[in-house]
Amino acid sequence: MALLINEECIACDACRDECPTTAIEEGDPIYFIDPDRCTECVGVYDEPSCIAVCPVECIVPDKDNVETIAELQYKYKSILAEEE
């Protein structure tokens, strides 16, 4: 399942640099996560790095984008292949 940044976001920029798939982008007024690029850090970290660094805990599961671990792994491998 992709993650979602809710309205609690303070646009502190802590999460953006942590994302290994560059899924987090600056929005107006809050940041947002591209569900097509979010892998919940599967393939890179044991848990989502953006959640770990968020000072206001505004990053939550996106119930509209439910994916299995296998699907997230496939997405991560596809993103890596695009960057080569």
N, C-alpha and C. Protein backbone atom coordinates (compact mmCIF):
# COMPACT_ATOMS: atom_id res chain seq x y z
N MET A 1 0.85 -1.16 0.00
CA MET A 1 0.00 0.00 0.00
C MET A 1 0.90 1.23 0.00
N ALA A 2 0.62 2.14 -0.84
CA ALA A 2 1.37 3.40 -0.86
C ALA A 2 1.04 4.18 0.41
N LEU A 3 1.87 5.14 0.69
CA LEU A 3 1.65 6.00 1.85
C LEU A 3 1.04 7.32 1.39
N LEU A 4 0.53 8.06 2.35
CA LEU A 4 -0.17 9.30 2.08
C LEU A 4 0.25 10.32 3.13
N ILE A 5 0.47 11.55 2.72
CA ILE A 5 0.76 12.63 3.66
C ILE A 5 -0.55 13.39 3.88
N ASN A 6 -0.97 13.45 5.14
CA ASN A 6 -2.25 14.11 5.42
C ASN A 6 -2.06 15.59 5.74
N GLU A 7 -3.15 16.26 6.07
CA GLU A 7 -3.16 17.71 6.28
C GLU A 7 -2.38 18.16 7.51
N GLU A 8 -1.89 17.23 8.31
CA GLU A 8 -1.06 17.58 9.48
C GLU A 8 0.35 18.01 9.05
N CYS A 9 0.71 17.80 7.80
CA CYS A 9 2.05 18.12 7.28
C CYS A 9 2.40 19.59 7.53
N ILE A 10 3.64 19.79 8.01
CA ILE A 10 4.13 21.15 8.25
C ILE A 10 5.15 21.57 7.20
N ALA A 11 5.29 20.78 6.14
CA ALA A 11 6.21 21.06 5.03
C ALA A 11 7.63 21.34 5.52
N CYS A 12 8.09 20.47 6.41
CA CYS A 12 9.43 20.67 7.01
C CYS A 12 10.55 20.14 6.13
N ASP A 13 10.23 19.33 5.11
CA ASP A 13 11.20 18.78 4.16
C ASP A 13 12.00 17.61 4.71
N ALA A 14 11.67 17.12 5.89
CA ALA A 14 12.42 16.00 6.48
C ALA A 14 12.25 14.71 5.68
N CYS A 15 11.09 14.49 5.14
CA CYS A 15 10.80 13.22 4.48
C CYS A 15 11.33 13.11 3.06
N ARG A 16 11.36 14.20 2.34
CA ARG A 16 11.66 14.15 0.90
C ARG A 16 13.02 13.53 0.60
N ASP A 17 14.05 13.96 1.30
CA ASP A 17 15.39 13.42 1.05
C ASP A 17 15.55 11.98 1.51
N GLU A 18 14.67 11.52 2.37
CA GLU A 18 14.74 10.15 2.87
C GLU A 18 14.18 9.12 1.89
N CYS A 19 13.37 9.55 0.95
CA CYS A 19 12.67 8.63 0.06
C CYS A 19 13.61 8.07 -1.01
N PRO A 20 13.83 6.74 -1.01
CA PRO A 20 14.75 6.15 -1.98
C PRO A 20 14.21 6.09 -3.41
N THR A 21 12.91 6.32 -3.59
CA THR A 21 12.32 6.26 -4.93
C THR A 21 11.83 7.62 -5.40
N THR A 22 12.21 8.67 -4.72
CA THR A 22 11.79 10.04 -5.02
C THR A 22 10.28 10.17 -5.23
N ALA A 23 9.54 9.50 -4.38
CA ALA A 23 8.08 9.53 -4.47
C ALA A 23 7.48 10.75 -3.78
N ILE A 24 8.25 11.42 -2.94
CA ILE A 24 7.73 12.55 -2.18
C ILE A 24 8.10 13.85 -2.89
N GLU A 25 7.07 14.66 -3.12
CA GLU A 25 7.28 15.93 -3.81
C GLU A 25 6.66 17.06 -3.01
N GLU A 26 7.21 18.24 -3.21
CA GLU A 26 6.68 19.43 -2.54
C GLU A 26 5.40 19.87 -3.21
N GLY A 27 4.39 20.07 -2.42
CA GLY A 27 3.12 20.57 -2.92
C GLY A 27 2.82 21.92 -2.30
N ASP A 28 1.65 22.39 -2.54
CA ASP A 28 1.26 23.67 -1.96
C ASP A 28 -0.07 23.50 -1.27
N PRO A 29 -0.16 23.50 0.01
CA PRO A 29 0.85 23.90 0.98
C PRO A 29 1.62 22.73 1.60
N ILE A 30 1.19 21.48 1.34
CA ILE A 30 1.86 20.34 1.98
C ILE A 30 2.51 19.45 0.94
N TYR A 31 3.37 18.57 1.41
CA TYR A 31 4.02 17.60 0.53
C TYR A 31 3.02 16.51 0.15
N PHE A 32 3.33 15.77 -0.93
CA PHE A 32 2.49 14.65 -1.31
C PHE A 32 3.36 13.50 -1.78
N ILE A 33 2.78 12.31 -1.76
CA ILE A 33 3.48 11.09 -2.16
C ILE A 33 2.84 10.56 -3.43
N ASP A 34 3.67 10.33 -4.45
CA ASP A 34 3.20 9.75 -5.71
C ASP A 34 3.00 8.25 -5.48
N PRO A 35 1.75 7.77 -5.51
CA PRO A 35 1.51 6.35 -5.23
C PRO A 35 2.13 5.42 -6.27
N ASP A 36 2.42 5.93 -7.47
CA ASP A 36 3.06 5.10 -8.49
C ASP A 36 4.55 4.88 -8.21
N ARG A 37 5.14 5.70 -7.33
CA ARG A 37 6.55 5.56 -6.99
C ARG A 37 6.79 5.09 -5.56
N CYS A 38 5.77 5.14 -4.72
CA CYS A 38 5.94 4.75 -3.31
C CYS A 38 5.95 3.24 -3.19
N THR A 39 7.01 2.72 -2.60
CA THR A 39 7.14 1.28 -2.36
C THR A 39 7.17 0.98 -0.87
N GLU A 40 6.88 1.97 -0.04
CA GLU A 40 6.97 1.85 1.41
C GLU A 40 8.37 1.38 1.83
N CYS A 41 9.34 1.70 1.01
CA CYS A 41 10.75 1.36 1.22
C CYS A 41 11.03 -0.14 1.13
N VAL A 42 10.07 -0.93 0.63
CA VAL A 42 10.29 -2.35 0.41
C VAL A 42 11.44 -2.50 -0.59
N GLY A 43 12.39 -3.33 -0.26
CA GLY A 43 13.56 -3.52 -1.11
C GLY A 43 14.73 -2.67 -0.69
N VAL A 44 14.49 -1.70 0.20
CA VAL A 44 15.56 -0.80 0.64
C VAL A 44 15.72 -0.83 2.16
N TYR A 45 14.64 -0.57 2.88
CA TYR A 45 14.67 -0.52 4.34
C TYR A 45 13.62 -1.46 4.92
N ASP A 46 13.75 -1.74 6.20
CA ASP A 46 12.79 -2.61 6.88
C ASP A 46 11.44 -1.93 7.10
N GLU A 47 11.44 -0.62 7.19
CA GLU A 47 10.21 0.13 7.35
C GLU A 47 10.34 1.45 6.61
N PRO A 48 9.22 2.11 6.33
CA PRO A 48 9.28 3.36 5.57
C PRO A 48 10.12 4.43 6.27
N SER A 49 11.13 4.92 5.58
CA SER A 49 12.04 5.90 6.17
C SER A 49 11.36 7.25 6.38
N CYS A 50 10.39 7.59 5.56
CA CYS A 50 9.72 8.88 5.72
C CYS A 50 8.94 8.94 7.03
N ILE A 51 8.33 7.83 7.41
CA ILE A 51 7.58 7.79 8.67
C ILE A 51 8.53 8.00 9.84
N ALA A 52 9.71 7.39 9.76
CA ALA A 52 10.67 7.47 10.85
C ALA A 52 11.16 8.90 11.11
N VAL A 53 11.25 9.72 10.06
CA VAL A 53 11.79 11.08 10.23
C VAL A 53 10.72 12.16 10.36
N CYS A 54 9.47 11.82 10.17
CA CYS A 54 8.41 12.83 10.21
C CYS A 54 8.17 13.29 11.66
N PRO A 55 8.35 14.59 11.92
CA PRO A 55 8.19 15.08 13.29
C PRO A 55 6.74 15.21 13.75
N VAL A 56 5.79 15.19 12.83
CA VAL A 56 4.39 15.36 13.22
C VAL A 56 3.53 14.13 12.92
N GLU A 57 4.15 13.06 12.49
CA GLU A 57 3.45 11.80 12.23
C GLU A 57 2.26 11.96 11.29
N CYS A 58 2.52 12.63 10.16
CA CYS A 58 1.43 12.89 9.21
C CYS A 58 1.43 11.92 8.03
N ILE A 59 2.32 10.92 8.03
CA ILE A 59 2.39 9.97 6.93
C ILE A 59 1.70 8.68 7.36
N VAL A 60 0.67 8.33 6.60
CA VAL A 60 -0.20 7.21 6.96
C VAL A 60 -0.42 6.32 5.74
N PRO A 61 -0.89 5.08 5.96
CA PRO A 61 -1.23 4.22 4.81
C PRO A 61 -2.34 4.83 3.97
N ASP A 62 -2.21 4.70 2.67
CA ASP A 62 -3.21 5.19 1.72
C ASP A 62 -4.16 4.04 1.41
N LYS A 63 -5.32 4.06 2.00
CA LYS A 63 -6.28 2.97 1.85
C LYS A 63 -6.81 2.84 0.42
N ASP A 64 -6.58 3.84 -0.42
CA ASP A 64 -7.00 3.77 -1.82
C ASP A 64 -5.95 3.11 -2.71
N ASN A 65 -4.78 2.80 -2.14
CA ASN A 65 -3.68 2.20 -2.91
C ASN A 65 -3.10 1.01 -2.15
N VAL A 66 -3.88 -0.04 -2.00
CA VAL A 66 -3.46 -1.23 -1.28
C VAL A 66 -2.65 -2.13 -2.21
N GLU A 67 -1.45 -2.52 -1.75
CA GLU A 67 -0.58 -3.40 -2.54
C GLU A 67 0.05 -4.43 -1.61
N THR A 68 0.36 -5.60 -2.17
CA THR A 68 1.03 -6.64 -1.41
C THR A 68 2.54 -6.36 -1.39
N ILE A 69 3.23 -7.08 -0.53
CA ILE A 69 4.70 -6.95 -0.48
C ILE A 69 5.29 -7.31 -1.84
N ALA A 70 4.77 -8.35 -2.47
CA ALA A 70 5.27 -8.75 -3.79
C ALA A 70 5.07 -7.64 -4.82
N GLU A 71 3.92 -6.99 -4.78
CA GLU A 71 3.67 -5.89 -5.71
C GLU A 71 4.61 -4.71 -5.45
N LEU A 72 4.86 -4.42 -4.18
CA LEU A 72 5.78 -3.33 -3.83
C LEU A 72 7.20 -3.66 -4.27
N GLN A 73 7.61 -4.93 -4.10
CA GLN A 73 8.94 -5.34 -4.56
C GLN A 73 9.06 -5.21 -6.08
N TYR A 74 8.03 -5.62 -6.80
CA TYR A 74 8.03 -5.49 -8.25
C TYR A 74 8.12 -4.03 -8.67
N LYS A 75 7.36 -3.18 -7.99
CA LYS A 75 7.38 -1.75 -8.30
C LYS A 75 8.78 -1.18 -8.08
N TYR A 76 9.42 -1.57 -6.97
CA TYR A 76 10.77 -1.08 -6.67
C TYR A 76 11.75 -1.52 -7.76
N LYS A 77 11.68 -2.77 -8.16
CA LYS A 77 12.58 -3.26 -9.21
C LYS A 77 12.32 -2.53 -10.53
N SER A 78 11.08 -2.24 -10.82
CA SER A 78 10.73 -1.50 -12.05
C SER A 78 11.30 -0.08 -12.01
N ILE A 79 11.22 0.55 -10.86
CA ILE A 79 11.76 1.91 -10.72
C ILE A 79 13.27 1.90 -10.90
N LEU A 80 13.95 0.89 -10.32
CA LEU A 80 15.40 0.76 -10.50
C LEU A 80 15.74 0.58 -11.97
N ALA A 81 14.98 -0.23 -12.67
CA ALA A 81 15.24 -0.49 -14.09
C ALA A 81 15.06 0.78 -14.92
N GLU A 82 14.09 1.63 -14.56
CA GLU A 82 13.87 2.89 -15.26
C GLU A 82 15.07 3.82 -15.12
N GLU A 83 15.72 3.77 -13.97
CA GLU A 83 16.81 4.70 -13.68
C GLU A 83 18.13 4.26 -14.30
N GLU A 84 18.19 3.05 -14.79
CA GLU A 84 19.45 2.57 -15.41
C GLU A 84 19.62 3.07 -16.81
